[in-house]
Structure formats: structure tokens, C-alpha cells
Protein backbone atom coordinates (compact mmCIF):
# COMPACT_ATOMS: atom_id res chain seq x y z
CA MET A 1 48.10 15.28 -35.10
CA TYR A 2 48.45 15.21 -38.90
CA ARG A 3 46.22 18.28 -39.14
CA PHE A 4 48.53 20.15 -36.78
CA ALA A 5 51.34 19.87 -39.30
CA GLU A 6 49.68 22.83 -41.05
CA PRO A 7 50.45 25.54 -38.49
CA VAL A 8 53.97 24.19 -38.03
CA VAL A 9 54.66 24.28 -41.78
CA LEU A 10 53.10 27.73 -42.12
CA LEU A 11 55.12 29.06 -39.20
CA ALA A 12 58.33 27.52 -40.57
CA LEU A 13 57.78 29.23 -43.91
CA ALA A 14 56.80 32.50 -42.22
CA LYS A 15 60.07 32.46 -40.28
CA LEU A 16 62.14 31.59 -43.35
CA GLY A 17 60.42 33.92 -45.84
CA THR A 18 61.16 32.16 -49.11
CA ALA A 19 62.45 28.61 -48.78
CA HIS A 20 62.75 25.30 -50.53
CA GLY A 21 61.22 22.15 -49.10
CA TYR A 22 64.33 20.84 -47.35
CA GLN A 23 64.73 24.13 -45.46
CA ILE A 24 61.07 24.03 -44.44
CA VAL A 25 61.43 20.41 -43.26
CA SER A 26 64.44 21.36 -41.12
CA GLU A 27 62.70 24.37 -39.57
CA ALA A 28 59.48 22.38 -39.03
CA GLN A 29 61.48 19.77 -37.09
CA ASN A 30 62.56 22.54 -34.71
CA LEU A 31 58.93 23.64 -34.23
CA ALA A 32 57.25 20.23 -33.91
CA VAL A 33 55.04 19.88 -30.85
CA THR A 34 55.61 16.16 -30.27
CA HIS A 35 58.71 14.25 -29.29
CA ALA A 36 58.46 12.33 -32.57
CA GLY A 37 58.90 15.45 -34.70
CA LEU A 38 57.40 15.73 -38.18
CA ASP A 39 58.05 13.22 -40.92
CA SER A 40 59.36 14.93 -44.06
CA GLY A 41 56.64 13.22 -46.11
CA ILE A 42 53.98 14.91 -43.98
CA VAL A 43 55.67 18.27 -44.50
CA TYR A 44 55.76 17.85 -48.29
CA ARG A 45 52.13 16.65 -48.41
CA THR A 46 51.14 19.63 -46.26
CA LEU A 47 53.02 22.01 -48.55
CA ARG A 48 51.15 20.59 -51.55
CA ARG A 49 47.78 20.85 -49.78
CA LEU A 50 48.50 24.44 -48.67
CA GLU A 51 49.52 25.36 -52.21
CA ASP A 52 46.37 23.76 -53.64
CA ALA A 53 44.33 25.87 -51.20
CA GLY A 54 46.10 29.08 -52.25
CA HIS A 55 47.93 29.61 -48.96
CA LEU A 56 51.33 29.54 -50.64
CA VAL A 57 52.85 29.46 -54.09
CA SER A 58 55.91 27.74 -55.41
CA THR A 59 58.28 28.22 -58.29
CA TRP A 60 61.13 26.12 -59.57
CA ASP A 61 64.65 27.22 -58.71
CA VAL A 62 66.96 25.88 -61.38
CA PRO A 63 70.52 26.36 -60.16
CA GLY A 64 73.54 26.24 -62.47
CA HIS A 65 74.27 22.72 -61.31
CA GLY A 66 72.32 20.18 -59.30
CA PRO A 67 68.64 19.35 -59.37
CA ALA A 68 65.86 21.92 -59.61
CA ARG A 69 64.18 22.73 -56.30
CA ARG A 70 60.70 23.96 -55.58
CA VAL A 71 60.79 27.25 -53.65
CA TYR A 72 57.78 28.30 -51.56
CA VAL A 73 56.46 31.65 -50.38
CA MET A 74 53.29 32.52 -48.43
CA THR A 75 50.40 34.34 -50.03
CA PRO A 76 48.20 36.91 -48.25
CA LEU A 77 45.67 34.08 -47.83
CA GLY A 78 48.41 32.01 -46.19
CA TRP A 79 49.19 34.78 -43.70
CA ASP A 80 45.45 34.95 -42.86
CA HIS A 81 45.42 31.16 -42.42
CA LEU A 82 48.40 31.37 -40.05
CA ARG A 83 46.56 34.01 -37.99
CA ASP A 84 43.52 31.71 -37.84
CA TRP A 85 45.74 28.86 -36.70
CA ALA A 86 47.21 31.08 -33.96
CA VAL A 87 43.71 31.41 -32.48
CA VAL A 88 43.06 27.66 -32.72
CA VAL A 89 46.42 26.78 -31.16
CA GLN A 90 45.87 29.28 -28.32
CA GLN A 91 42.45 27.76 -27.58
CA LEU A 92 43.95 24.28 -27.67
CA ALA A 93 46.76 25.33 -25.34
CA SER A 94 44.20 26.66 -22.86
CA SER A 95 42.20 23.44 -23.05
CA LEU A 96 45.34 21.34 -22.55
CA GLN A 97 46.34 23.47 -19.58
CA ARG A 98 42.93 22.87 -17.96
CA LEU A 99 43.25 19.14 -18.66
CA ALA A 100 46.74 19.04 -17.11
CA GLU A 101 45.45 20.82 -13.99
CA GLU A 102 42.50 18.41 -13.70
CA CYS A 103 44.86 15.43 -14.07
CA ARG A 104 47.19 16.76 -11.35
CA SER A 105 44.23 17.42 -9.08
CA ALA A 106 42.71 13.98 -9.63
CA ALA A 107 46.08 12.26 -9.18
CA GLY A 108 46.68 14.16 -5.95
CA ALA A 109 43.23 13.26 -4.59
CA GLY A 110 43.71 9.63 -5.56
CA ALA A 111 47.20 9.31 -4.05
CA GLY A 112 45.84 8.35 -0.64
CA ARG A 113 43.54 5.70 -2.02
CA SER A 114 44.57 2.10 -2.40
CA GLU A 115 43.34 -0.31 -5.06
CA GLY A 116 40.36 -2.46 -4.29
CA ARG A 117 38.62 -0.13 -1.85
């Protein structure tokens, strides 16, 4: 599931436009696909990896007071990567739907059976 942090982080940033890490972490929590959510460390590691790959860029925001914050924005390559992820996620959703249907079917067929027969 670690790999699937990428589309969540990309989508969070796409929805926010320009955002600092804490904002992205908060939005990513709302978009997480598991009940466990996304650990903030995973989000920050994913941001770094996406930046290293050229999918986003960051600059330092140095406010008048308080600590400097890294602010992220998507690059054209990042938007392309998000579109690629949309295809992958759609294919995965279709596969999971088929799996769920097979499980329901098998469970229904096995409901009348008893153990040991």
C-alpha cells in the first residue's frame, strides 16, 4: 500500500494547488483508501520522492515569524503522472470489484455446506 500513497499525495496537492506539507498531510488523510489513513512520514517521504522525480517542485516560505515551511506545487510532469495513476487506480478498482463479486458468490455457494463434508 506504500506505493499507493503516491496518487493520494498527488491528488491532495492537485486539489490544494500550492500547499505546504502539513496541508498536504491533512488533505491526504481525507483521501486515504484504508481505515488506517496515511502516516505523515509516508506523505513527506512521498513528497520528496515525487520532487526527486520531477513531478513537483518546492520552495521555502519564510514567514515574518515562525519556522520556514516548504511549499509544493505540481509540475506538468506531475499532472501527467496523476493522469497515469487515474488509469491504474481505475483498473485496480475494476479488479477489486470482480474479486468482491467472486467472494460474495463463493460465500453464498458455500453457505449451505457444513465443515467436514
